[in-house]
Amino acid sequence: PYYIDLNQNLYLQAYLHSSDPNLIVFVDTCVASPDPHDFNTLAYDIIRNGCVRDSSYATYYSPYSHFARFKFNAFEFISRHTLVYLQCELVVCRLGDYSSRCYRGCINRSKRDTSS
């Protein structure tokens, strides 16, 4: 566990263990929840489908493409729950493949009509 107070910044880094320098890491989704087994019912999106949902989220430059560095601010969950769990989904792509998910950034999914 990592202990922080409300409104403190939490800094994270994801690292791809690979000897291939032509790979890049992209943070697609990060969700917080007080329940380590349920990231849907009572969950808070920090970033979803590459779209930032929390205004305190920021990425940091890394000279290495196989690192993803980012931060966000501890939010209201912390005042109501003693523990908060984070689940992040990352995507690995070929460096320079501009058609890949890593280079497309935020993807807003359109809603589908539910009528017959």
Protein backbone atom coordinates (compact mmCIF):
# COMPACT_ATOMS: atom_id res chain seq x y z
CA PRO A 1 0.00 0.00 0.00
CA TYR A 2 0.94 3.61 -0.59
CA TYR A 3 -0.38 6.13 1.92
CA ILE A 4 -1.40 9.65 0.91
CA ASP A 5 -3.73 12.32 2.24
CA LEU A 6 -6.64 14.02 0.52
CA ASN A 7 -5.48 16.49 -2.17
CA GLN A 8 -1.96 15.08 -2.28
CA ASN A 9 -0.57 14.18 -5.69
CA LEU A 10 -0.01 10.52 -6.46
CA TYR A 11 2.77 9.92 -8.98
CA LEU A 12 2.87 6.71 -11.00
CA GLN A 13 5.16 5.17 -13.53
CA ALA A 14 4.56 2.12 -15.68
CA TYR A 15 7.52 0.42 -17.28
CA LEU A 16 7.57 -2.11 -20.08
CA HIS A 17 10.17 -4.79 -19.41
CA SER A 18 11.40 -5.38 -22.95
CA SER A 19 14.69 -5.12 -24.76
CA ASP A 20 12.88 -3.80 -27.87
CA PRO A 21 13.47 0.00 -28.03
CA ASN A 22 10.77 0.33 -30.72
CA LEU A 23 7.86 -0.14 -28.34
CA ILE A 24 5.80 2.59 -26.73
CA VAL A 25 3.48 2.47 -23.70
CA PHE A 26 0.18 4.37 -23.60
CA VAL A 27 -2.10 4.79 -20.57
CA ASP A 28 -5.57 4.00 -21.89
CA THR A 29 -7.70 3.68 -18.74
CA CYS A 30 -7.23 4.15 -14.98
CA VAL A 31 -10.11 3.61 -12.59
CA ALA A 32 -10.19 3.92 -8.81
CA SER A 33 -12.49 1.97 -6.51
CA PRO A 34 -12.81 1.23 -2.80
CA ASP A 35 -13.46 -2.41 -3.73
CA PRO A 36 -10.48 -4.32 -5.20
CA HIS A 37 -12.86 -6.76 -6.93
CA ASP A 38 -15.34 -4.27 -8.43
CA PHE A 39 -14.24 -1.41 -10.64
CA ASN A 40 -17.74 -0.75 -11.98
CA THR A 41 -20.29 -0.22 -9.19
CA LEU A 42 -18.60 2.49 -7.14
CA ALA A 43 -15.77 3.63 -9.36
CA TYR A 44 -14.07 6.85 -10.33
CA ASP A 45 -12.59 7.28 -13.80
CA ILE A 46 -9.27 9.08 -13.85
CA ILE A 47 -8.73 8.38 -17.54
CA ARG A 48 -10.98 6.28 -19.80
CA ASN A 49 -10.25 5.29 -23.43
CA GLY A 50 -7.40 7.80 -23.43
CA CYS A 51 -9.76 10.62 -22.39
CA VAL A 52 -8.83 12.43 -19.19
CA ARG A 53 -11.76 12.42 -16.75
CA ASP A 54 -10.02 13.98 -13.74
CA SER A 55 -8.77 17.55 -14.07
CA SER A 56 -5.76 16.85 -11.83
CA TYR A 57 -4.45 14.12 -14.18
CA ALA A 58 -1.23 15.01 -15.98
CA THR A 59 1.36 13.08 -17.93
CA TYR A 60 5.08 13.60 -17.57
CA TYR A 61 7.76 13.45 -20.20
CA SER A 62 10.03 10.44 -20.26
CA PRO A 63 13.08 10.16 -22.50
CA TYR A 64 12.20 6.48 -22.86
CA SER A 65 9.19 5.40 -24.91
CA HIS A 66 8.69 2.28 -22.79
CA PHE A 67 7.87 4.40 -19.70
CA ALA A 68 4.50 6.00 -18.97
CA ARG A 69 4.59 8.63 -16.22
CA PHE A 70 1.56 10.38 -14.81
CA LYS A 71 0.00 11.86 -11.70
CA PHE A 72 -3.37 12.72 -10.25
CA ASN A 73 -4.67 14.25 -7.05
CA ALA A 74 -6.12 12.17 -4.20
CA PHE A 75 -9.87 12.65 -4.40
CA GLU A 76 -13.01 12.37 -2.31
CA PHE A 77 -12.95 8.56 -2.07
CA ILE A 78 -10.11 8.87 0.41
CA SER A 79 -12.20 10.83 2.89
CA ARG A 80 -14.99 8.21 2.78
CA HIS A 81 -12.96 5.00 2.42
CA THR A 82 -9.79 3.96 4.17
CA LEU A 83 -8.48 2.10 1.13
CA VAL A 84 -8.75 2.94 -2.56
CA TYR A 85 -7.59 0.60 -5.31
CA LEU A 86 -6.36 1.61 -8.72
CA GLN A 87 -6.70 -0.44 -11.90
CA CYS A 88 -4.99 0.79 -15.05
CA GLU A 89 -4.99 -0.56 -18.58
CA LEU A 90 -2.00 0.20 -20.75
CA VAL A 91 -1.46 -0.38 -24.43
CA VAL A 92 1.84 -1.34 -26.05
CA CYS A 93 2.43 -0.27 -29.65
CA ARG A 94 5.20 0.03 -32.19
CA LEU A 95 7.03 3.32 -31.93
CA GLY A 96 6.12 5.51 -34.91
CA ASP A 97 3.01 3.51 -35.90
CA TYR A 98 0.68 6.51 -36.03
CA SER A 99 -2.34 4.36 -36.88
CA SER A 100 -1.97 2.43 -33.60
CA ARG A 101 -3.99 3.00 -30.45
CA CYS A 102 -1.05 4.70 -28.72
CA TYR A 103 -1.08 7.63 -31.12
CA ARG A 104 -4.85 8.16 -31.41
CA GLY A 105 -5.26 9.62 -27.92
CA CYS A 106 -8.76 10.17 -26.62
CA ILE A 107 -11.42 7.99 -28.23
CA ASN A 108 -14.97 9.10 -27.54
CA ARG A 109 -17.19 6.14 -28.20
CA SER A 110 -20.51 7.07 -29.71
CA LYS A 111 -23.64 5.87 -27.97
CA ARG A 112 -25.86 3.46 -29.85
CA ASP A 113 -29.56 3.78 -30.25
CA THR A 114 -31.40 1.20 -28.15
CA SER A 115 -34.69 1.39 -30.04
CA SER A 116 -35.82 -1.54 -32.14
